[in-house]
Amino acid sequence: MNYPLRALVARTVRRARNRSDRTRTRNQSGFTLIELLVVIVILGVLSGIVVFAVSGIQDRGNAAACKTDKKSVEVAVEAYYAKNGAYPPAGDPGWLELTVGVNQLLRSRPVGDGYTITLGVNGLVTASGACT
């Protein structure tokens, strides 16, 4: 081979290598579809775990609120008994006695999400729903 032809071949080979290097670096600079799908699946699993963990916390919070409200009503009923010598009447009239007027011992009837508190005969306070 003569010199000009050898130089031409060498130049052509160098250009081809440069092009393939540029193409290779261009293809290697991003994420593959498989990598993106794996990340999406991992995020989905983590979000599912968080949702179930948070719902358990909310249930425990409702149970604690129910127990606290029940205890507050029991204390108000006992205070009513100490002041008047008798327990408040059962049902809605009892709630009216505890929340309105001179004997107001509660600001309002406790109402919660997922539970109900009722007044019974002889100062019996019962709770149903989240408390049980």
Protein backbone atom coordinates (compact mmCIF):
# COMPACT_ATOMS: atom_id res chain seq x y z
CA MET A 1 0.00 0.00 0.00
CA ASN A 2 1.24 3.40 -0.76
CA TYR A 3 1.36 6.18 1.79
CA PRO A 4 -1.71 8.28 0.73
CA LEU A 5 -3.91 5.19 0.60
CA ARG A 6 -2.68 4.02 4.01
CA ALA A 7 -3.37 7.46 5.50
CA LEU A 8 -6.86 7.45 3.98
CA VAL A 9 -7.64 4.01 5.45
CA ALA A 10 -6.27 5.02 8.86
CA ARG A 11 -8.37 8.21 8.84
CA THR A 12 -11.49 6.28 7.88
CA VAL A 13 -10.91 3.72 10.65
CA ARG A 14 -10.39 6.51 13.22
CA ARG A 15 -13.62 8.22 12.16
CA ALA A 16 -15.55 4.96 12.43
CA ARG A 17 -14.14 4.35 15.92
CA ASN A 18 -15.01 7.88 17.00
CA ARG A 19 -18.58 7.43 15.74
CA SER A 20 -19.00 4.11 17.54
CA ASP A 21 -17.53 5.62 20.73
CA ARG A 22 -20.01 8.49 20.55
CA THR A 23 -22.88 6.07 19.91
CA ARG A 24 -21.77 3.84 22.75
CA THR A 25 -21.53 6.70 25.25
CA ARG A 26 -24.85 8.07 24.05
CA ASN A 27 -26.55 4.69 24.62
CA GLN A 28 -24.90 4.15 28.02
CA SER A 29 -25.87 7.52 29.49
CA GLY A 30 -29.55 6.66 30.29
CA PHE A 31 -31.53 4.04 32.18
CA THR A 32 -32.88 0.93 30.53
CA LEU A 33 -36.56 0.09 30.49
CA ILE A 34 -35.99 -2.85 32.83
CA GLU A 35 -34.27 -0.63 35.40
CA LEU A 36 -37.15 1.84 35.33
CA LEU A 37 -39.72 -0.95 35.71
CA VAL A 38 -37.84 -2.40 38.70
CA VAL A 39 -37.83 1.00 40.40
CA ILE A 40 -41.56 1.44 39.76
CA VAL A 41 -42.32 -2.00 41.24
CA ILE A 42 -40.21 -1.27 44.32
CA LEU A 43 -42.00 2.06 44.85
CA GLY A 44 -45.38 0.32 44.50
CA VAL A 45 -44.48 -2.27 47.13
CA LEU A 46 -43.23 0.40 49.54
CA SER A 47 -46.36 2.52 49.11
CA GLY A 48 -48.55 -0.53 49.80
CA ILE A 49 -46.67 -1.20 53.03
CA VAL A 50 -47.07 2.43 54.13
CA VAL A 51 -50.83 2.46 53.43
CA PHE A 52 -51.44 -0.62 55.60
CA ALA A 53 -49.21 0.72 58.38
CA VAL A 54 -51.04 4.07 58.47
CA SER A 55 -54.49 2.45 58.55
CA GLY A 56 -53.45 0.47 61.64
CA ILE A 57 -52.36 3.65 63.37
CA GLN A 58 -55.72 5.27 62.66
CA ASP A 59 -57.59 2.30 64.13
CA ARG A 60 -55.54 2.45 67.32
CA GLY A 61 -56.19 6.19 67.51
CA ASN A 62 -59.96 5.69 67.25
CA ALA A 63 -59.83 3.05 70.00
CA ALA A 64 -57.85 5.36 72.28
CA ALA A 65 -60.26 8.26 71.62
CA CYS A 66 -63.23 6.02 72.42
CA LYS A 67 -61.72 4.87 75.71
CA THR A 68 -60.89 8.45 76.67
CA ASP A 69 -64.40 9.69 75.86
CA LYS A 70 -65.96 6.82 77.80
CA LYS A 71 -63.81 7.59 80.83
CA SER A 72 -64.75 11.30 80.62
CA VAL A 73 -68.45 10.44 80.58
CA GLU A 74 -68.01 8.05 83.54
CA VAL A 75 -66.31 10.81 85.54
CA ALA A 76 -69.09 13.27 84.62
CA VAL A 77 -71.75 10.75 85.69
CA GLU A 78 -70.02 10.23 89.04
CA ALA A 79 -69.69 14.00 89.53
CA TYR A 80 -73.41 14.36 88.74
CA TYR A 81 -74.17 11.68 91.35
CA ALA A 82 -71.98 13.39 93.95
CA LYS A 83 -73.71 16.73 93.33
CA ASN A 84 -77.35 15.58 93.02
CA GLY A 85 -77.51 12.31 94.96
CA ALA A 86 -78.86 10.42 91.93
CA TYR A 87 -77.56 9.28 88.56
CA PRO A 88 -78.68 11.11 85.41
CA PRO A 89 -81.57 9.53 83.52
CA ALA A 90 -80.78 7.00 80.78
CA GLY A 91 -80.69 7.96 77.10
CA ASP A 92 -81.09 11.42 75.63
CA PRO A 93 -82.53 13.07 78.80
CA GLY A 94 -79.35 12.03 80.62
CA TRP A 95 -77.15 13.58 77.96
CA LEU A 96 -79.23 16.74 78.23
CA GLU A 97 -78.66 16.82 82.01
CA LEU A 98 -74.88 16.41 81.56
CA THR A 99 -74.39 18.90 78.74
CA VAL A 100 -76.83 21.78 79.36
CA GLY A 101 -77.84 23.97 82.26
CA VAL A 102 -76.65 24.25 85.83
CA ASN A 103 -75.35 20.69 85.97
CA GLN A 104 -73.28 21.00 82.80
CA LEU A 105 -70.38 18.62 83.31
CA LEU A 106 -69.60 17.94 79.62
CA ARG A 107 -69.31 20.47 76.83
CA SER A 108 -71.12 18.21 74.40
CA ARG A 109 -72.09 14.61 73.81
CA PRO A 110 -68.97 12.75 72.67
CA VAL A 111 -69.28 11.72 69.06
CA GLY A 112 -66.49 9.79 67.41
CA ASP A 113 -65.73 8.07 64.14
CA GLY A 114 -66.61 4.40 64.51
CA TYR A 115 -67.99 4.32 68.07
CA THR A 116 -71.00 5.37 70.16
CA ILE A 117 -71.26 5.98 73.88
CA THR A 118 -74.61 5.48 75.62
CA LEU A 119 -75.98 6.27 79.07
CA GLY A 120 -77.83 3.48 80.84
CA VAL A 121 -79.82 3.08 84.02
CA ASN A 122 -78.03 3.79 87.35
CA GLY A 123 -75.13 5.62 85.68
CA LEU A 124 -74.04 2.73 83.46
CA VAL A 125 -71.88 4.03 80.61
CA THR A 126 -71.38 1.69 77.66
CA ALA A 127 -69.37 2.06 74.49
CA SER A 128 -69.70 0.12 71.27
CA GLY A 129 -67.64 0.16 68.11
CA ALA A 130 -63.95 1.02 68.21
CA CYS A 131 -63.70 0.54 72.00
CA THR A 132 -64.42 -3.17 71.92
